[in-house]
């Protein structure tokens, strides 16, 4: 999340992160994978990636169902992402606007 805030403060137009991340031990925790998925589905760029067992079917059928619902949500937002991305590009801004000055964080 810190990288999302940092990317927004640098006016990166569209971005996201790998759902599952890169830390094998953490990626294998179901609750963390689902939280990553929930945030990732609401970002313009959604990708399942990283190291370790990060595929939803590696957990259980409940995780697959949750994953499917959030993929469908992400897909239903494609017009919003396109519109907001076009508008942000024309203004030279990021699609996500930080609500504070993060210059002291980095």
N, C-alpha and C. Protein backbone atom coordinates (compact mmCIF):
# COMPACT_ATOMS: atom_id res chain seq x y z
N UNK A 1 0.82 -1.19 0.00
CA UNK A 1 0.00 0.00 0.00
C UNK A 1 0.86 1.26 0.00
N UNK A 2 2.00 1.18 0.64
CA UNK A 2 2.91 2.33 0.63
C UNK A 2 3.32 2.65 -0.80
N UNK A 3 3.58 1.63 -1.60
CA UNK A 3 3.96 1.85 -3.00
C UNK A 3 2.82 2.43 -3.81
N UNK A 4 1.58 2.05 -3.51
CA UNK A 4 0.42 2.63 -4.19
C UNK A 4 0.34 4.12 -3.88
N UNK A 5 0.48 4.48 -2.62
CA UNK A 5 0.44 5.89 -2.23
C UNK A 5 1.59 6.65 -2.87
N UNK A 6 2.76 6.06 -2.85
CA UNK A 6 3.94 6.71 -3.44
C UNK A 6 3.74 6.90 -4.95
N UNK A 7 3.24 5.88 -5.65
CA UNK A 7 3.00 5.99 -7.08
C UNK A 7 1.98 7.08 -7.39
N UNK A 8 0.95 7.17 -6.57
CA UNK A 8 -0.06 8.22 -6.76
C UNK A 8 0.55 9.60 -6.54
N UNK A 9 1.39 9.73 -5.53
CA UNK A 9 1.99 11.04 -5.25
C UNK A 9 2.96 11.46 -6.35
N UNK A 10 3.50 10.49 -7.09
CA UNK A 10 4.41 10.79 -8.20
C UNK A 10 3.64 10.96 -9.51
N UNK A 11 2.31 10.92 -9.43
CA UNK A 11 1.41 11.08 -10.59
C UNK A 11 1.56 9.99 -11.64
N UNK A 12 1.89 8.76 -11.20
CA UNK A 12 1.84 7.65 -12.15
C UNK A 12 0.39 7.49 -12.55
N UNK A 13 0.14 7.40 -13.84
CA UNK A 13 -1.22 7.39 -14.35
C UNK A 13 -2.01 6.18 -13.86
N UNK A 14 -1.62 5.00 -14.25
CA UNK A 14 -2.27 3.75 -13.85
C UNK A 14 -1.25 2.81 -13.26
N UNK A 15 -1.63 2.08 -12.27
CA UNK A 15 -0.72 1.14 -11.64
C UNK A 15 -1.51 0.11 -10.85
N UNK A 16 -0.82 -0.85 -10.35
CA UNK A 16 -1.40 -1.90 -9.52
C UNK A 16 -0.25 -2.65 -8.87
N UNK A 17 -0.52 -3.83 -8.40
CA UNK A 17 0.53 -4.65 -7.83
C UNK A 17 0.20 -6.12 -8.02
N UNK A 18 1.21 -6.97 -7.83
CA UNK A 18 0.99 -8.40 -7.96
C UNK A 18 0.18 -8.90 -6.78
N UNK A 19 -0.94 -9.52 -7.07
CA UNK A 19 -1.74 -10.15 -6.02
C UNK A 19 -1.02 -11.41 -5.60
N UNK A 20 -0.62 -11.48 -4.38
CA UNK A 20 0.19 -12.59 -3.90
C UNK A 20 1.57 -12.14 -3.50
N UNK A 21 2.01 -11.03 -4.07
CA UNK A 21 3.27 -10.43 -3.67
C UNK A 21 4.48 -11.29 -3.95
N UNK A 22 5.56 -11.02 -3.25
CA UNK A 22 6.82 -11.70 -3.50
C UNK A 22 7.35 -12.45 -2.31
N UNK A 23 6.72 -12.37 -1.18
CA UNK A 23 7.21 -13.06 0.01
C UNK A 23 6.47 -14.39 0.15
N UNK A 24 7.17 -15.46 -0.12
CA UNK A 24 6.56 -16.79 -0.18
C UNK A 24 5.77 -17.11 1.08
N UNK A 25 6.32 -16.87 2.24
CA UNK A 25 5.64 -17.21 3.49
C UNK A 25 4.34 -16.44 3.62
N UNK A 26 4.35 -15.15 3.31
CA UNK A 26 3.14 -14.33 3.43
C UNK A 26 2.13 -14.66 2.36
N UNK A 27 2.60 -14.95 1.14
CA UNK A 27 1.68 -15.24 0.04
C UNK A 27 0.88 -16.51 0.31
N UNK A 28 1.40 -17.38 1.17
CA UNK A 28 0.71 -18.64 1.44
C UNK A 28 -0.37 -18.49 2.50
N UNK A 29 -0.55 -17.31 3.06
CA UNK A 29 -1.61 -17.08 4.05
C UNK A 29 -2.89 -16.66 3.33
N UNK A 30 -3.93 -17.43 3.48
CA UNK A 30 -5.18 -17.21 2.76
C UNK A 30 -5.75 -15.82 3.02
N UNK A 31 -5.83 -15.39 4.27
CA UNK A 31 -6.46 -14.10 4.59
C UNK A 31 -5.69 -12.96 3.94
N UNK A 32 -4.37 -13.06 3.90
CA UNK A 32 -3.56 -11.99 3.29
C UNK A 32 -3.74 -11.99 1.78
N UNK A 33 -3.79 -13.17 1.18
CA UNK A 33 -4.04 -13.27 -0.26
C UNK A 33 -5.37 -12.62 -0.61
N UNK A 34 -6.41 -12.88 0.17
CA UNK A 34 -7.74 -12.32 -0.10
C UNK A 34 -7.73 -10.80 0.06
N UNK A 35 -7.05 -10.28 1.06
CA UNK A 35 -6.96 -8.82 1.22
C UNK A 35 -6.23 -8.19 0.04
N UNK A 36 -5.14 -8.82 -0.41
CA UNK A 36 -4.40 -8.36 -1.57
C UNK A 36 -5.32 -8.33 -2.79
N UNK A 37 -6.10 -9.38 -2.94
CA UNK A 37 -7.04 -9.49 -4.04
C UNK A 37 -8.08 -8.37 -3.99
N UNK A 38 -8.62 -8.10 -2.81
CA UNK A 38 -9.66 -7.09 -2.68
C UNK A 38 -9.16 -5.70 -3.06
N UNK A 39 -7.97 -5.36 -2.65
CA UNK A 39 -7.40 -4.06 -3.02
C UNK A 39 -7.02 -4.06 -4.51
N UNK A 40 -6.39 -5.14 -4.96
CA UNK A 40 -5.96 -5.23 -6.35
C UNK A 40 -7.10 -5.10 -7.34
N UNK A 41 -8.27 -5.62 -6.99
CA UNK A 41 -9.43 -5.56 -7.88
C UNK A 41 -9.92 -4.13 -8.07
N UNK A 42 -9.59 -3.25 -7.15
CA UNK A 42 -10.05 -1.86 -7.23
C UNK A 42 -9.00 -0.93 -7.82
N UNK A 43 -7.89 -1.48 -8.26
CA UNK A 43 -6.86 -0.70 -8.95
C UNK A 43 -6.97 -0.96 -10.45
N UNK A 44 -6.53 -0.01 -11.27
CA UNK A 44 -6.66 -0.17 -12.72
C UNK A 44 -5.93 -1.41 -13.26
N UNK A 45 -4.79 -1.73 -12.70
CA UNK A 45 -4.00 -2.86 -13.18
C UNK A 45 -4.08 -3.98 -12.15
N UNK A 46 -4.73 -5.08 -12.51
CA UNK A 46 -4.90 -6.22 -11.61
C UNK A 46 -4.15 -7.40 -12.18
N UNK A 47 -3.22 -7.94 -11.41
CA UNK A 47 -2.43 -9.08 -11.89
C UNK A 47 -2.20 -10.06 -10.74
N UNK A 48 -2.38 -11.32 -11.03
CA UNK A 48 -2.05 -12.35 -10.07
C UNK A 48 -0.61 -12.75 -10.34
N UNK A 49 0.28 -12.41 -9.43
CA UNK A 49 1.68 -12.71 -9.66
C UNK A 49 2.45 -12.75 -8.36
N UNK A 50 3.71 -13.09 -8.46
CA UNK A 50 4.57 -13.17 -7.29
C UNK A 50 5.12 -14.56 -7.11
N UNK A 51 5.71 -14.79 -5.98
CA UNK A 51 6.32 -16.08 -5.68
C UNK A 51 5.45 -16.87 -4.72
N UNK A 52 5.66 -18.14 -4.66
CA UNK A 52 4.92 -18.97 -3.73
C UNK A 52 3.54 -19.33 -4.24
N UNK A 53 2.77 -20.03 -3.41
CA UNK A 53 1.43 -20.50 -3.82
C UNK A 53 0.41 -19.37 -3.76
N UNK A 54 0.30 -18.62 -4.83
CA UNK A 54 -0.60 -17.48 -4.85
C UNK A 54 -1.80 -17.67 -5.78
N UNK A 55 -1.98 -18.86 -6.33
CA UNK A 55 -3.14 -19.13 -7.16
C UNK A 55 -4.32 -19.44 -6.23
N UNK A 56 -5.50 -18.91 -6.53
CA UNK A 56 -6.63 -19.10 -5.61
C UNK A 56 -6.98 -20.56 -5.38
N UNK A 57 -6.82 -21.41 -6.40
CA UNK A 57 -7.17 -22.82 -6.25
C UNK A 57 -6.18 -23.58 -5.36
N UNK A 58 -5.05 -22.96 -5.03
CA UNK A 58 -4.10 -23.59 -4.11
C UNK A 58 -4.61 -23.52 -2.67
N UNK A 59 -5.61 -22.68 -2.42
CA UNK A 59 -6.17 -22.54 -1.08
C UNK A 59 -7.38 -23.46 -0.92
N UNK A 60 -8.52 -23.06 -1.48
CA UNK A 60 -9.73 -23.87 -1.39
C UNK A 60 -10.80 -23.29 -2.31
N UNK A 61 -11.95 -23.95 -2.39
CA UNK A 61 -13.01 -23.50 -3.29
C UNK A 61 -13.61 -22.17 -2.84
N UNK A 62 -13.62 -21.90 -1.55
CA UNK A 62 -14.12 -20.61 -1.05
C UNK A 62 -13.25 -19.48 -1.60
N UNK A 63 -11.95 -19.67 -1.60
CA UNK A 63 -11.03 -18.65 -2.12
C UNK A 63 -11.25 -18.46 -3.62
N UNK A 64 -11.48 -19.53 -4.34
CA UNK A 64 -11.76 -19.43 -5.79
C UNK A 64 -13.03 -18.61 -6.01
N UNK A 65 -14.07 -18.85 -5.22
CA UNK A 65 -15.33 -18.10 -5.35
C UNK A 65 -15.11 -16.62 -5.05
N UNK A 66 -14.37 -16.32 -3.99
CA UNK A 66 -14.08 -14.92 -3.65
C UNK A 66 -13.28 -14.28 -4.77
N UNK A 67 -12.28 -15.00 -5.26
CA UNK A 67 -11.45 -14.49 -6.35
C UNK A 67 -12.29 -14.19 -7.59
N UNK A 68 -13.15 -15.12 -7.94
CA UNK A 68 -14.02 -14.94 -9.11
C UNK A 68 -14.90 -13.70 -8.95
N UNK A 69 -15.46 -13.49 -7.77
CA UNK A 69 -16.31 -12.31 -7.53
C UNK A 69 -15.53 -11.02 -7.70
N UNK A 70 -14.30 -10.98 -7.22
CA UNK A 70 -13.52 -9.75 -7.34
C UNK A 70 -12.97 -9.54 -8.75
N UNK A 71 -12.69 -10.61 -9.47
CA UNK A 71 -12.33 -10.48 -10.88
C UNK A 71 -13.51 -9.91 -11.66
N UNK A 72 -14.71 -10.41 -11.37
CA UNK A 72 -15.91 -9.88 -12.03
C UNK A 72 -16.14 -8.42 -11.67
N UNK A 73 -15.91 -8.05 -10.41
CA UNK A 73 -16.02 -6.65 -10.02
C UNK A 73 -15.02 -5.80 -10.80
N UNK A 74 -13.78 -6.24 -10.86
CA UNK A 74 -12.75 -5.51 -11.60
C UNK A 74 -13.16 -5.34 -13.07
N UNK A 75 -13.64 -6.42 -13.65
CA UNK A 75 -14.07 -6.37 -15.05
C UNK A 75 -15.24 -5.39 -15.24
N UNK A 76 -16.15 -5.35 -14.29
CA UNK A 76 -17.29 -4.43 -14.40
C UNK A 76 -16.87 -2.97 -14.30
N UNK A 77 -15.69 -2.72 -13.77
CA UNK A 77 -15.18 -1.35 -13.61
C UNK A 77 -14.33 -0.89 -14.80
N UNK A 78 -14.23 -1.70 -15.85
CA UNK A 78 -13.32 -1.34 -16.95
C UNK A 78 -13.67 0.00 -17.59
N UNK A 79 -14.96 0.30 -17.76
CA UNK A 79 -15.34 1.60 -18.34
C UNK A 79 -14.92 2.74 -17.40
N UNK A 80 -15.09 2.53 -16.10
CA UNK A 80 -14.67 3.53 -15.12
C UNK A 80 -13.16 3.74 -15.19
N UNK A 81 -12.39 2.64 -15.24
CA UNK A 81 -10.94 2.76 -15.31
C UNK A 81 -10.51 3.48 -16.58
N UNK A 82 -11.15 3.19 -17.69
CA UNK A 82 -10.81 3.86 -18.95
C UNK A 82 -11.13 5.35 -18.88
N UNK A 83 -12.31 5.68 -18.40
CA UNK A 83 -12.72 7.08 -18.30
C UNK A 83 -11.82 7.84 -17.32
N UNK A 84 -11.61 7.27 -16.14
CA UNK A 84 -10.79 7.97 -15.15
C UNK A 84 -9.34 8.06 -15.60
N UNK A 85 -8.85 7.04 -16.31
CA UNK A 85 -7.49 7.09 -16.84
C UNK A 85 -7.33 8.16 -17.90
N UNK A 86 -8.32 8.28 -18.78
CA UNK A 86 -8.29 9.32 -19.82
C UNK A 86 -8.33 10.70 -19.19
N UNK A 87 -9.20 10.87 -18.21
CA UNK A 87 -9.31 12.17 -17.53
C UNK A 87 -8.04 12.50 -16.76
N UNK A 88 -7.48 11.52 -16.07
CA UNK A 88 -6.25 11.76 -15.32
C UNK A 88 -5.10 12.11 -16.26
N UNK A 89 -5.02 11.43 -17.39
CA UNK A 89 -3.97 11.71 -18.36
C UNK A 89 -4.07 13.15 -18.87
N UNK A 90 -5.29 13.58 -19.17
CA UNK A 90 -5.46 14.94 -19.69
C UNK A 90 -5.10 16.00 -18.65
N UNK A 91 -5.19 15.66 -17.38
CA UNK A 91 -4.87 16.60 -16.30
C UNK A 91 -3.45 16.42 -15.77
N UNK A 92 -2.75 15.40 -16.27
CA UNK A 92 -1.40 15.14 -15.78
C UNK A 92 -1.38 14.63 -14.34
N UNK A 93 -2.42 13.90 -13.97
CA UNK A 93 -2.56 13.40 -12.60
C UNK A 93 -2.66 11.89 -12.60
N UNK A 94 -2.56 11.31 -11.44
CA UNK A 94 -2.77 9.88 -11.26
C UNK A 94 -4.26 9.60 -11.10
N UNK A 95 -4.67 8.37 -11.41
CA UNK A 95 -6.07 7.99 -11.20
C UNK A 95 -6.40 7.92 -9.71
N UNK A 96 -5.38 7.74 -8.89
CA UNK A 96 -5.57 7.74 -7.44
C UNK A 96 -4.89 8.98 -6.89
N UNK A 97 -5.63 9.76 -6.16
CA UNK A 97 -5.10 10.98 -5.57
C UNK A 97 -4.87 10.79 -4.08
N UNK A 98 -3.62 10.94 -3.63
CA UNK A 98 -3.37 10.82 -2.19
C UNK A 98 -4.08 11.96 -1.44
N UNK A 99 -4.51 11.66 -0.24
CA UNK A 99 -5.22 12.68 0.54
C UNK A 99 -4.30 13.40 1.52
N UNK A 100 -3.00 13.13 1.41
CA UNK A 100 -2.03 13.81 2.26
C UNK A 100 -0.72 13.92 1.51
N UNK A 101 0.17 14.74 2.02
CA UNK A 101 1.50 14.89 1.44
C UNK A 101 2.38 13.77 1.95
N UNK A 102 2.79 12.88 1.06
CA UNK A 102 3.58 11.75 1.49
C UNK A 102 5.09 12.00 1.42
N UNK A 103 5.51 13.23 1.22
CA UNK A 103 6.94 13.51 1.04
C UNK A 103 7.75 13.13 2.27
N UNK A 104 7.13 13.07 3.43
CA UNK A 104 7.85 12.71 4.65
C UNK A 104 7.93 11.20 4.84
N UNK A 105 7.17 10.44 4.03
CA UNK A 105 7.17 8.98 4.15
C UNK A 105 8.37 8.35 3.47
N UNK A 106 8.94 9.03 2.47
CA UNK A 106 9.95 8.38 1.64
C UNK A 106 11.26 9.13 1.68
